[in-house]
N, C-alpha and C. Protein backbone atom coordinates (compact mmCIF):
# COMPACT_ATOMS: atom_id res chain seq x y z
N MET A 1 -61.88 27.79 45.40
CA MET A 1 -61.63 26.42 45.03
C MET A 1 -61.27 26.40 43.55
N LYS A 2 -60.19 25.70 43.24
CA LYS A 2 -59.77 25.57 41.85
C LYS A 2 -60.42 24.35 41.23
N HIS A 3 -60.72 24.45 39.94
CA HIS A 3 -61.34 23.35 39.20
C HIS A 3 -60.39 22.87 38.11
N TYR A 4 -60.35 21.57 37.93
CA TYR A 4 -59.54 20.94 36.88
C TYR A 4 -60.40 19.91 36.16
N SER A 5 -60.11 19.70 34.91
CA SER A 5 -60.68 18.56 34.21
C SER A 5 -59.83 17.35 34.60
N PRO A 6 -60.33 16.14 34.40
CA PRO A 6 -59.52 14.97 34.73
C PRO A 6 -58.18 14.94 33.99
N ILE A 7 -58.19 15.31 32.72
CA ILE A 7 -56.95 15.29 31.95
C ILE A 7 -55.97 16.33 32.47
N ALA A 8 -56.47 17.55 32.74
CA ALA A 8 -55.60 18.61 33.25
C ALA A 8 -55.04 18.23 34.62
N ALA A 9 -55.87 17.62 35.48
CA ALA A 9 -55.40 17.22 36.80
C ALA A 9 -54.32 16.15 36.69
N GLN A 10 -54.50 15.24 35.73
CA GLN A 10 -53.49 14.19 35.53
C GLN A 10 -52.19 14.78 35.01
N GLN A 11 -52.28 15.70 34.08
CA GLN A 11 -51.08 16.30 33.51
C GLN A 11 -50.35 17.18 34.52
N ASP A 12 -51.11 17.88 35.37
CA ASP A 12 -50.53 18.80 36.35
C ASP A 12 -50.60 18.25 37.77
N PHE A 13 -50.52 16.94 37.90
CA PHE A 13 -50.74 16.32 39.21
C PHE A 13 -49.78 16.85 40.28
N GLN A 14 -48.53 17.04 39.94
CA GLN A 14 -47.57 17.57 40.90
C GLN A 14 -47.98 18.97 41.36
N GLN A 15 -48.47 19.78 40.44
CA GLN A 15 -48.93 21.13 40.79
C GLN A 15 -50.18 21.05 41.67
N VAL A 16 -51.09 20.14 41.35
CA VAL A 16 -52.30 19.96 42.15
C VAL A 16 -51.92 19.62 43.59
N LEU A 17 -51.02 18.68 43.76
CA LEU A 17 -50.59 18.30 45.11
C LEU A 17 -49.89 19.45 45.82
N THR A 18 -49.12 20.24 45.09
CA THR A 18 -48.45 21.39 45.70
C THR A 18 -49.47 22.42 46.18
N VAL A 19 -50.48 22.68 45.37
CA VAL A 19 -51.52 23.64 45.76
C VAL A 19 -52.26 23.15 47.00
N VAL A 20 -52.57 21.87 47.05
CA VAL A 20 -53.29 21.32 48.20
C VAL A 20 -52.40 21.34 49.44
N HIS A 21 -51.16 20.92 49.29
CA HIS A 21 -50.27 20.80 50.44
C HIS A 21 -49.77 22.14 50.94
N GLN A 22 -49.21 22.94 50.07
CA GLN A 22 -48.57 24.18 50.51
C GLN A 22 -49.56 25.33 50.70
N LEU A 23 -50.53 25.46 49.80
CA LEU A 23 -51.47 26.57 49.88
C LEU A 23 -52.75 26.22 50.64
N GLN A 24 -52.87 24.94 51.02
CA GLN A 24 -54.03 24.45 51.77
C GLN A 24 -55.34 24.76 51.05
N GLU A 25 -55.34 24.61 49.73
CA GLU A 25 -56.54 24.84 48.93
C GLU A 25 -57.19 23.51 48.59
N THR A 26 -58.49 23.57 48.33
CA THR A 26 -59.23 22.41 47.89
C THR A 26 -59.34 22.45 46.37
N ILE A 27 -59.18 21.31 45.75
CA ILE A 27 -59.24 21.19 44.30
C ILE A 27 -60.42 20.30 43.93
N MET A 28 -61.20 20.75 42.94
CA MET A 28 -62.30 19.93 42.44
C MET A 28 -61.95 19.48 41.03
N ILE A 29 -62.07 18.17 40.80
CA ILE A 29 -61.83 17.60 39.48
C ILE A 29 -63.20 17.24 38.92
N THR A 30 -63.62 18.02 37.93
CA THR A 30 -64.96 17.86 37.36
C THR A 30 -64.86 17.11 36.04
N PRO A 31 -65.66 16.08 35.86
CA PRO A 31 -65.64 15.32 34.61
C PRO A 31 -65.97 16.22 33.41
N THR A 32 -65.60 15.75 32.26
CA THR A 32 -65.82 16.55 31.05
C THR A 32 -67.29 16.74 30.74
N ASP A 33 -68.17 15.90 31.28
CA ASP A 33 -69.61 16.09 31.06
C ASP A 33 -70.20 17.10 32.04
N SER A 34 -69.36 17.69 32.89
CA SER A 34 -69.75 18.74 33.84
C SER A 34 -70.78 18.29 34.87
N GLU A 35 -70.87 17.02 35.12
CA GLU A 35 -71.77 16.52 36.15
C GLU A 35 -71.09 16.63 37.50
N ASP A 36 -71.50 17.60 38.32
CA ASP A 36 -70.86 17.80 39.62
C ASP A 36 -71.01 16.59 40.54
N GLU A 37 -72.06 15.80 40.35
CA GLU A 37 -72.24 14.65 41.22
C GLU A 37 -71.18 13.58 40.98
N HIS A 38 -70.47 13.65 39.85
CA HIS A 38 -69.39 12.71 39.56
C HIS A 38 -68.02 13.33 39.79
N ALA A 39 -67.99 14.52 40.36
CA ALA A 39 -66.72 15.21 40.59
C ALA A 39 -65.97 14.57 41.76
N ALA A 40 -64.68 14.80 41.79
CA ALA A 40 -63.83 14.35 42.89
C ALA A 40 -63.21 15.59 43.54
N VAL A 41 -62.91 15.49 44.82
CA VAL A 41 -62.34 16.62 45.55
C VAL A 41 -61.05 16.16 46.22
N ILE A 42 -60.02 16.98 46.09
CA ILE A 42 -58.75 16.75 46.79
C ILE A 42 -58.61 17.90 47.78
N MET A 43 -58.45 17.57 49.04
CA MET A 43 -58.36 18.61 50.06
C MET A 43 -57.25 18.31 51.05
N PRO A 44 -56.80 19.33 51.77
CA PRO A 44 -55.77 19.10 52.79
C PRO A 44 -56.29 18.14 53.87
N LYS A 45 -55.38 17.34 54.39
CA LYS A 45 -55.75 16.35 55.41
C LYS A 45 -56.37 17.01 56.63
N ARG A 46 -55.89 18.16 57.02
CA ARG A 46 -56.43 18.86 58.19
C ARG A 46 -57.91 19.21 57.97
N GLU A 47 -58.25 19.64 56.76
CA GLU A 47 -59.64 19.96 56.45
C GLU A 47 -60.51 18.70 56.46
N TRP A 48 -59.97 17.61 55.93
CA TRP A 48 -60.69 16.33 55.92
C TRP A 48 -60.99 15.87 57.36
N GLU A 49 -60.00 15.97 58.23
CA GLU A 49 -60.19 15.55 59.62
C GLU A 49 -61.22 16.44 60.32
N ALA A 50 -61.22 17.74 60.02
CA ALA A 50 -62.22 18.64 60.60
C ALA A 50 -63.63 18.27 60.15
N LEU A 51 -63.78 17.91 58.88
CA LEU A 51 -65.09 17.49 58.38
C LEU A 51 -65.54 16.18 59.01
N ARG A 52 -64.61 15.24 59.18
CA ARG A 52 -64.96 13.97 59.84
C ARG A 52 -65.42 14.21 61.27
N GLU A 53 -64.71 15.08 61.99
CA GLU A 53 -65.09 15.37 63.37
C GLU A 53 -66.46 16.06 63.42
N LEU A 54 -66.70 17.00 62.52
CA LEU A 54 -67.98 17.69 62.48
C LEU A 54 -69.11 16.71 62.19
N THR A 55 -68.88 15.79 61.27
CA THR A 55 -69.89 14.78 60.95
C THR A 55 -70.18 13.91 62.16
N PHE A 56 -69.13 13.53 62.89
CA PHE A 56 -69.30 12.72 64.09
C PHE A 56 -70.11 13.48 65.14
N LEU A 57 -69.81 14.76 65.32
CA LEU A 57 -70.50 15.55 66.34
C LEU A 57 -71.96 15.82 65.98
N GLN A 58 -72.27 15.87 64.70
CA GLN A 58 -73.64 16.14 64.27
C GLN A 58 -74.48 14.88 64.15
N ARG A 59 -73.86 13.73 64.32
CA ARG A 59 -74.59 12.46 64.22
C ARG A 59 -75.59 12.38 65.37
N PRO A 60 -76.82 11.96 65.10
CA PRO A 60 -77.79 11.86 66.18
C PRO A 60 -77.33 10.84 67.23
N SER A 61 -77.57 11.18 68.46
CA SER A 61 -77.16 10.27 69.53
C SER A 61 -78.10 9.07 69.58
N LEU A 62 -77.60 7.98 70.10
CA LEU A 62 -78.40 6.77 70.24
C LEU A 62 -79.40 6.95 71.36
N PRO A 63 -80.59 6.39 71.20
CA PRO A 63 -81.57 6.52 72.28
C PRO A 63 -81.08 5.79 73.53
N LYS A 64 -81.37 6.38 74.67
CA LYS A 64 -80.97 5.76 75.93
C LYS A 64 -81.95 4.62 76.24
N PRO A 65 -81.43 3.53 76.76
CA PRO A 65 -82.34 2.41 77.08
C PRO A 65 -83.29 2.81 78.20
N ALA A 66 -84.51 2.34 78.08
CA ALA A 66 -85.51 2.64 79.10
C ALA A 66 -85.17 1.91 80.39
N ILE A 67 -85.35 2.60 81.49
CA ILE A 67 -85.12 2.00 82.80
C ILE A 67 -86.41 1.28 83.20
N THR A 68 -86.27 0.01 83.46
CA THR A 68 -87.45 -0.77 83.84
C THR A 68 -87.34 -1.16 85.30
N ALA A 69 -88.48 -1.15 85.93
CA ALA A 69 -88.54 -1.57 87.33
C ALA A 69 -88.52 -3.10 87.38
N PHE A 70 -87.93 -3.64 88.42
CA PHE A 70 -87.92 -5.09 88.55
C PHE A 70 -88.20 -5.44 90.01
N ASP A 71 -88.71 -6.62 90.19
CA ASP A 71 -89.09 -7.10 91.51
C ASP A 71 -87.91 -7.84 92.13
N VAL A 72 -87.35 -7.25 93.18
CA VAL A 72 -86.19 -7.83 93.84
C VAL A 72 -86.51 -9.20 94.42
N ASP A 73 -87.73 -9.40 94.88
CA ASP A 73 -88.10 -10.69 95.47
C ASP A 73 -88.12 -11.83 94.44
N LYS A 74 -88.30 -11.53 93.18
CA LYS A 74 -88.36 -12.56 92.14
C LYS A 74 -87.00 -12.81 91.49
N MET A 75 -85.96 -12.09 91.88
CA MET A 75 -84.65 -12.25 91.29
C MET A 75 -83.96 -13.50 91.85
N GLU A 76 -83.23 -14.19 91.01
CA GLU A 76 -82.44 -15.32 91.46
C GLU A 76 -81.07 -14.80 91.81
N TRP A 77 -80.57 -15.07 93.00
CA TRP A 77 -79.31 -14.53 93.47
C TRP A 77 -78.18 -15.53 93.38
N GLY A 78 -78.35 -16.60 92.70
CA GLY A 78 -77.26 -17.49 92.41
C GLY A 78 -77.26 -18.68 93.22
């Protein structure tokens, strides 16, 4: 993964897009204060879609509704 500062990424934006598009590499833009939690990532669309699908598949399933018994004789049939 290549790293750029915000200024370098702005100055070389065409190159950044070329690297992401043609070489299918991920680029990290790290702020000048080096705080990774404030970093931005540019990645190929195919990789983004794979991550979205993985996140969807790993999401916990919803609980199934409990099956309750009911008294047919007490039902109103219309």
